[in-house]
Protein backbone atom coordinates (compact mmCIF):
# COMPACT_ATOMS: atom_id res chain seq x y z
CA MET A 1 11.99 -22.99 18.89
CA ALA A 2 15.03 -22.21 16.75
CA ASP A 3 18.27 -20.63 17.74
CA ILE A 4 19.16 -17.90 15.78
CA THR A 5 22.71 -16.39 15.26
CA ALA A 6 24.14 -13.63 13.57
CA ALA A 7 27.30 -12.19 12.23
CA ASP A 8 26.35 -8.87 13.08
CA HIS A 9 25.20 -8.54 16.96
CA LEU A 10 22.36 -5.67 16.57
CA PRO A 11 20.90 -4.55 19.93
CA ASP A 12 17.54 -5.59 21.10
CA HIS A 13 15.89 -2.46 20.99
CA TYR A 14 12.15 -4.08 21.48
CA GLY A 15 13.64 -6.30 24.42
CA ARG A 16 15.18 -3.38 26.22
CA LEU A 17 11.59 -1.67 26.17
CA GLN A 18 9.92 -4.78 26.71
CA VAL A 19 7.67 -4.71 23.92
CA SER A 20 7.07 -6.68 20.63
CA PRO A 21 8.39 -6.07 17.51
CA VAL A 22 4.75 -5.25 15.98
CA ALA A 23 4.16 -2.60 18.90
CA SER A 24 2.58 0.43 18.11
CA GLN A 25 3.98 3.77 18.54
CA PRO A 26 1.73 4.75 21.61
CA VAL A 27 2.50 1.22 23.15
CA ILE A 28 6.46 1.77 22.89
CA ASP A 29 6.20 5.44 24.12
CA ALA A 30 4.25 4.08 27.32
CA ALA A 31 6.79 1.40 28.16
CA TYR A 32 9.56 4.03 27.95
CA GLN A 33 8.03 6.22 30.32
CA THR A 34 7.40 3.32 32.62
CA LEU A 35 10.75 1.96 32.61
CA LEU A 36 12.15 5.17 33.05
CA ARG A 37 11.07 5.57 36.59
CA THR A 38 12.92 2.36 37.56
CA THR A 39 16.04 2.19 35.03
CA ARG A 40 19.32 3.37 36.35
CA GLY A 41 22.99 3.34 35.24
CA GLU A 42 24.17 1.91 32.10
CA ARG A 43 20.91 0.32 31.41
CA LEU A 44 19.48 3.85 31.55
CA GLU A 45 21.69 4.67 28.54
CA ARG A 46 20.68 1.69 26.83
CA LEU A 47 17.02 2.38 27.05
CA ARG A 48 17.16 5.99 25.87
CA GLU A 49 19.41 4.69 22.92
CA SER A 50 16.65 2.13 21.82
CA TYR A 51 13.84 4.71 22.44
CA ALA A 52 15.72 7.24 20.43
CA VAL A 53 15.51 4.24 17.38
CA LEU A 54 12.13 3.07 17.95
CA ARG A 55 10.37 6.78 18.52
CA ASP A 56 11.84 7.90 14.64
CA ALA A 57 9.86 6.21 12.35
CA ASP A 58 13.05 6.25 9.65
CA ALA A 59 15.14 4.75 12.25
CA ARG A 60 12.84 2.18 13.51
CA ARG A 61 12.38 1.00 9.86
CA ALA A 62 15.87 0.73 9.21
CA TYR A 63 16.78 -1.08 12.41
CA ASP A 64 13.74 -3.75 11.18
CA ASN A 65 15.03 -4.10 7.89
CA ARG A 66 18.31 -4.99 9.41
CA ARG A 67 16.86 -6.89 12.20
CA ASN A 68 14.64 -9.07 9.82
CA CYS A 69 17.11 -10.27 7.20
CA LEU A 70 18.25 -13.49 7.53
CA GLY A 71 21.21 -13.17 5.68
CA GLY A 72 24.35 -14.78 7.05
CA LYS A 73 22.38 -16.14 10.32
CA VAL A 74 21.82 -20.05 11.10
CA VAL A 75 18.25 -20.98 11.14
CA GLY A 76 17.82 -24.43 13.01
CA ASP A 77 19.82 -26.36 11.13
CA TYR A 78 20.31 -24.49 8.12
CA GLU A 79 22.60 -21.57 7.33
CA VAL A 80 21.55 -18.68 5.57
CA ILE A 81 23.77 -17.96 2.53
CA GLU A 82 22.11 -15.11 0.97
CA LYS A 83 18.85 -13.25 -0.20
CA ILE A 84 17.53 -14.20 -3.79
CA GLY A 85 13.78 -12.76 -3.71
CA GLU A 86 11.90 -9.95 -1.65
CA GLY A 87 8.08 -9.81 -1.87
CA GLN A 88 5.67 -7.51 -0.36
CA PHE A 89 5.33 -9.36 3.08
CA GLY A 90 9.02 -11.05 2.90
CA GLN A 91 11.83 -12.40 1.84
CA THR A 92 13.38 -15.60 0.00
CA TYR A 93 16.88 -16.95 0.95
CA ARG A 94 19.43 -19.87 -0.34
CA GLY A 95 20.69 -21.59 2.12
CA ILE A 96 22.38 -24.85 2.80
CA HIS A 97 21.60 -27.81 5.45
CA ILE A 98 24.83 -27.42 7.91
CA LEU A 99 25.30 -31.09 7.95
CA THR A 100 24.80 -32.45 4.51
CA GLY A 101 25.41 -29.35 2.41
CA THR A 102 21.87 -29.84 0.68
CA PRO A 103 21.14 -26.59 -0.86
CA VAL A 104 17.49 -25.00 0.46
CA CYS A 105 15.11 -22.34 -0.05
CA ILE A 106 14.10 -20.46 3.27
CA LYS A 107 10.94 -18.40 2.92
CA HIS A 108 10.61 -15.75 5.80
CA ILE A 109 7.90 -13.22 6.44
CA PRO A 110 9.34 -10.82 9.61
CA ASP A 111 5.69 -10.43 10.74
CA ALA A 112 5.25 -12.26 14.15
CA SER A 113 1.28 -11.59 14.03
CA ALA A 114 -0.63 -14.63 14.91
CA GLU A 115 -2.38 -14.52 11.72
CA THR A 116 0.56 -14.61 9.35
CA ARG A 117 2.12 -17.26 11.69
CA GLU A 118 -1.20 -19.00 10.69
CA ASP A 119 -1.15 -18.38 7.14
CA LEU A 120 2.31 -19.86 6.91
CA LEU A 121 1.76 -23.15 8.89
CA HIS A 122 -1.36 -23.50 6.38
CA GLU A 123 1.08 -23.17 3.63
CA SER A 124 3.57 -25.93 4.94
CA LYS A 125 0.59 -28.47 5.63
CA VAL A 126 -0.20 -27.86 2.04
CA LEU A 127 2.91 -27.93 0.49
CA ALA A 128 3.87 -30.92 2.51
CA ARG A 129 0.71 -32.75 0.52
CA ILE A 130 1.71 -31.60 -3.01
CA ASN A 131 4.37 -33.63 -4.99
CA HIS A 132 4.92 -31.94 -8.06
CA HIS A 133 8.46 -31.69 -9.78
CA ARG A 134 7.81 -28.27 -11.01
CA LEU A 135 6.88 -26.71 -7.41
CA PRO A 136 9.78 -26.15 -4.52
CA GLY A 137 9.29 -29.34 -2.57
CA TRP A 138 8.60 -28.88 1.31
CA TYR A 139 11.32 -29.94 3.75
CA ASN A 140 10.34 -28.17 7.19
CA THR A 141 9.02 -25.63 8.95
CA ILE A 142 10.81 -23.64 11.76
CA GLN A 143 9.49 -21.39 14.48
CA LEU A 144 12.15 -18.49 15.09
CA ASP A 145 12.79 -17.28 18.56
CA ASP A 146 10.82 -13.98 18.02
CA GLY A 147 7.90 -15.91 17.08
CA THR A 148 7.94 -15.75 13.15
CA VAL A 149 8.04 -18.84 11.16
CA ALA A 150 10.62 -19.84 8.36
CA LEU A 151 9.54 -22.50 5.55
CA ILE A 152 12.35 -24.73 4.38
CA MET A 153 11.86 -25.89 0.70
CA LYS A 154 14.17 -27.40 -2.20
CA TYR A 155 16.22 -24.92 -3.95
CA LEU A 156 15.52 -24.60 -7.83
CA PRO A 157 18.59 -23.06 -9.32
CA TYR A 158 17.06 -21.50 -12.32
CA PRO A 159 16.37 -17.73 -13.14
CA SER A 160 13.21 -16.18 -12.75
CA LEU A 161 10.97 -15.20 -16.22
CA ALA A 162 11.13 -11.59 -14.83
CA LYS A 163 15.09 -11.73 -14.62
CA ILE A 164 15.35 -13.22 -18.03
CA VAL A 165 13.32 -10.78 -19.74
CA ALA A 166 15.20 -7.94 -18.01
CA THR A 167 18.66 -9.47 -19.43
CA ASP A 168 17.57 -10.83 -22.61
CA GLY A 169 14.55 -9.02 -23.34
CA PRO A 170 11.08 -9.86 -24.34
CA ARG A 171 10.31 -13.61 -25.41
CA THR A 172 9.35 -14.83 -28.80
CA ALA A 173 5.65 -15.95 -29.07
CA LEU A 174 7.17 -19.66 -29.17
CA ASP A 175 9.04 -19.26 -25.90
CA THR A 176 6.20 -17.87 -24.12
CA VAL A 177 3.42 -20.15 -25.15
CA ARG A 178 6.26 -23.00 -23.97
CA ILE A 179 6.52 -21.53 -20.85
CA ILE A 180 2.45 -20.83 -20.09
CA GLU A 181 1.89 -24.06 -21.40
CA ARG A 182 4.49 -25.63 -18.23
CA VAL A 183 2.50 -23.35 -15.82
CA MET A 184 -0.97 -24.03 -17.00
CA ASN A 185 -0.32 -27.97 -16.92
CA LEU A 186 0.69 -27.50 -13.23
CA LEU A 187 -2.29 -25.04 -12.49
CA MET A 188 -4.09 -27.84 -13.82
CA TYR A 189 -2.82 -30.32 -11.04
CA LEU A 190 -3.35 -27.96 -8.36
CA HIS A 191 -6.95 -26.86 -9.23
CA GLY A 192 -8.07 -30.18 -10.15
CA GLU A 193 -6.39 -32.71 -8.35
CA LYS A 194 -5.43 -30.76 -5.06
CA GLY A 195 -8.04 -28.14 -4.75
CA VAL A 196 -5.19 -25.23 -4.14
CA ILE A 197 -5.09 -21.81 -5.77
CA HIS A 198 -1.68 -20.22 -5.93
CA GLY A 199 -2.73 -16.37 -5.50
CA ALA A 200 0.68 -14.97 -6.78
CA ILE A 201 1.44 -15.79 -10.17
CA ASN A 202 3.76 -13.15 -12.07
CA PRO A 203 6.82 -13.24 -13.95
CA ASP A 204 9.09 -12.97 -10.68
CA HIS A 205 7.27 -16.11 -9.42
CA ILE A 206 7.74 -18.47 -12.60
CA LEU A 207 11.78 -19.82 -12.74
CA VAL A 208 12.50 -21.07 -16.25
CA GLU A 209 14.84 -23.85 -17.32
CA TYR A 210 16.29 -23.94 -20.73
CA LYS A 211 17.22 -27.32 -21.80
CA ASN A 212 18.95 -29.29 -24.58
CA ALA A 213 17.54 -28.99 -28.04
CA GLY A 214 15.22 -26.14 -27.17
CA TRP A 215 13.13 -27.97 -24.68
CA ILE A 216 12.09 -25.74 -21.85
CA ASP A 217 10.50 -26.51 -18.30
CA ALA A 218 9.06 -23.95 -15.93
CA TYR A 219 8.48 -23.83 -12.36
CA LEU A 220 5.96 -22.07 -10.02
CA VAL A 221 7.19 -20.64 -6.53
CA SER A 222 6.25 -18.41 -3.94
CA PHE A 223 2.39 -19.17 -3.02
CA GLY A 224 0.30 -16.10 -2.00
CA LEU A 225 0.01 -15.11 1.85
CA GLY A 226 -2.07 -18.19 2.91
CA VAL A 227 -2.66 -21.25 0.08
CA LEU A 228 -5.97 -20.95 -0.72
CA GLU A 229 -8.89 -23.39 -1.25
CA PRO A 230 -11.37 -22.35 -4.17
CA GLY A 231 -13.70 -19.52 -2.45
CA GLY A 232 -11.04 -18.35 -0.10
CA VAL A 233 -10.06 -14.82 0.58
CA SER A 234 -6.46 -13.48 -0.30
CA ARG A 235 -4.98 -10.84 2.30
CA ASP A 236 -2.58 -9.95 -0.45
CA PHE A 237 -2.27 -9.29 -4.28
CA VAL A 238 0.24 -8.84 -6.67
CA LYS A 239 0.34 -5.26 -8.22
CA TYR A 240 -0.85 -5.54 -11.85
CA TYR A 241 -0.89 -9.24 -12.06
CA SER A 242 -3.90 -9.96 -9.86
CA PRO A 243 -7.51 -9.95 -10.85
CA GLN A 244 -10.04 -7.43 -9.45
CA GLU A 245 -11.57 -10.25 -7.67
CA GLN A 246 -8.37 -10.65 -5.44
CA VAL A 247 -7.70 -6.67 -5.20
CA ASP A 248 -11.33 -6.26 -3.79
CA GLY A 249 -10.66 -8.99 -1.02
CA GLY A 250 -13.11 -11.38 -2.80
CA ALA A 251 -13.54 -15.36 -3.16
CA MET A 252 -10.67 -16.81 -5.10
CA LEU A 253 -11.36 -19.06 -7.97
CA PRO A 254 -9.25 -21.19 -10.26
CA GLU A 255 -9.94 -18.67 -12.85
CA SER A 256 -8.15 -16.11 -10.66
CA ASP A 257 -4.88 -17.73 -11.29
CA LEU A 258 -5.53 -18.01 -15.14
CA TYR A 259 -5.98 -14.00 -15.10
CA SER A 260 -2.70 -13.68 -13.69
CA VAL A 261 -1.00 -16.47 -16.04
CA ALA A 262 -2.70 -14.13 -19.26
CA LYS A 263 -0.89 -10.82 -17.57
CA THR A 264 2.38 -13.01 -17.49
CA ALA A 265 2.30 -13.69 -20.75
CA ILE A 266 1.92 -10.15 -21.78
CA PHE A 267 4.79 -9.24 -19.89
CA ALA A 268 6.89 -11.96 -21.45
CA LEU A 269 5.83 -10.74 -24.91
CA THR A 270 6.39 -7.27 -24.01
CA GLY A 271 8.82 -6.80 -21.07
CA SER A 272 6.69 -3.85 -20.52
CA ILE A 273 4.53 -3.12 -17.18
CA GLU A 274 2.69 -0.51 -19.13
CA ALA A 275 1.45 -3.05 -21.48
CA VAL A 276 0.59 -5.35 -18.79
CA MET A 277 -1.76 -2.60 -17.57
CA ILE A 278 -3.69 -2.37 -20.27
CA ASN A 279 -3.67 -5.66 -21.34
CA GLN A 280 -1.71 -4.68 -24.82
CA PHE A 281 -0.08 -7.74 -27.03
CA PRO A 282 2.84 -7.19 -29.37
CA GLU A 283 1.30 -6.45 -33.06
CA ASP A 284 2.98 -9.51 -34.11
CA THR A 285 1.08 -12.02 -31.55
CA PRO A 286 -0.41 -14.67 -33.43
CA GLU A 287 -4.12 -14.10 -33.26
CA PRO A 288 -5.63 -17.31 -31.96
CA MET A 289 -3.16 -17.18 -29.01
CA ARG A 290 -4.36 -13.64 -28.71
CA ARG A 291 -7.89 -14.31 -28.66
CA PHE A 292 -7.30 -17.20 -25.89
CA PHE A 293 -5.34 -15.10 -23.74
CA ASP A 294 -8.30 -12.26 -23.87
CA ALA A 295 -10.80 -14.73 -22.50
CA LEU A 296 -8.48 -15.23 -19.44
CA LEU A 297 -8.59 -11.48 -18.86
CA ILE A 298 -12.53 -10.63 -18.76
CA GLU A 299 -12.93 -8.62 -15.62
CA ASP A 300 -15.78 -10.70 -14.50
CA VAL A 301 -14.35 -13.97 -12.93
CA TYR A 302 -17.34 -16.04 -13.93
CA ASP A 303 -17.27 -15.12 -17.57
CA ARG A 304 -13.60 -16.44 -17.99
CA HIS A 305 -12.84 -19.94 -19.62
CA ASP A 306 -14.03 -22.26 -17.30
CA TRP A 307 -10.97 -24.42 -16.01
CA ASP A 308 -12.97 -27.51 -14.91
CA SER A 309 -14.69 -27.76 -18.19
CA GLY A 310 -12.26 -30.29 -19.12
CA ALA A 311 -11.13 -28.50 -22.54
CA LEU A 312 -8.98 -25.69 -21.20
CA MET A 313 -5.80 -27.41 -22.55
CA GLU A 314 -7.58 -28.37 -25.55
CA ARG A 315 -8.27 -24.79 -26.35
CA PHE A 316 -4.84 -23.78 -25.46
CA THR A 317 -3.54 -26.68 -27.69
CA ALA A 318 -5.62 -25.49 -30.49
CA ALA A 319 -4.77 -21.86 -30.42
CA ARG A 320 -1.12 -22.81 -30.15
CA VAL A 321 -1.63 -25.34 -33.54
CA ALA A 322 -3.51 -22.43 -34.90
CA SER A 323 -0.96 -19.99 -34.26
CA GLY A 324 1.78 -22.34 -35.91
CA LEU A 325 3.76 -22.49 -32.88
CA ALA A 326 5.49 -25.77 -32.43
CA PRO A 327 4.71 -28.28 -29.24
CA VAL A 328 6.66 -27.43 -25.94
CA TYR A 329 8.77 -30.53 -26.34
CA SER A 330 9.83 -29.97 -30.07
CA ALA A 331 13.31 -28.88 -30.90
CA GLU A 332 12.33 -26.19 -33.76
């Protein structure tokens, strides 16, 4: 297991009570009462200090947040520099390899349960066999002393689509189509060649690189909790962006990702969560593109565009051309 060192030395409240960080309150209470019988002196004071923190829900939550943050720590051969993202289950950090200075992305989920650990190990195995320049390459997987797992991946120094919209406002139809075309081409690779469903597509997980002469590239990061094969069931979902079959815990299909792509397109065009919730495109959205995305937003997954028909990208290109929008590589 990897050594973890931190600049701020937090007391090990869970260790003092000899319980797991995921222990329930009754377990913590029972451990405290048992240890009270045999603990004396300074150790007793420390025991009482730790129990006071862990018995109070707000104090325990604040302690867990500090304890679980990797910022400023060393994980194996990597130094954690700063947190760059946070999701429902974990955090993402920018770090460097201590010996080479190579920048890396570190994904950590502070849930030490066996199920979450298995999910991350599975994700590592999947990422290790995927080689695509629009995905963060996998470098290493490290088990920490507390039983949690950190994934070490290639660092992509580009802003998310969500950040771009927040800073510069909604994207034009041309910008949106170019970004979405990149993402859909990547999904054709994941779905068709690798049999993998992303399961967490949303504006925070799409990084955008603006190149010279108007060229745009897009990268997909942060797979859902536990990378899925078609027919798999996800343990999490992204509010407002995940399809109903995912929210309900049903089987995921490639069309599930396409639903999230269409929702992301709405956000790119509007910058509005309210518009995403009701599938409302701006009035000036070209009608052919609107019809294409509407077909991806059909509630029944089996009625959406068939990604495997061999014609999805052709339909997308036809809608783009009919909308008068330039190709993705065009400098116009």
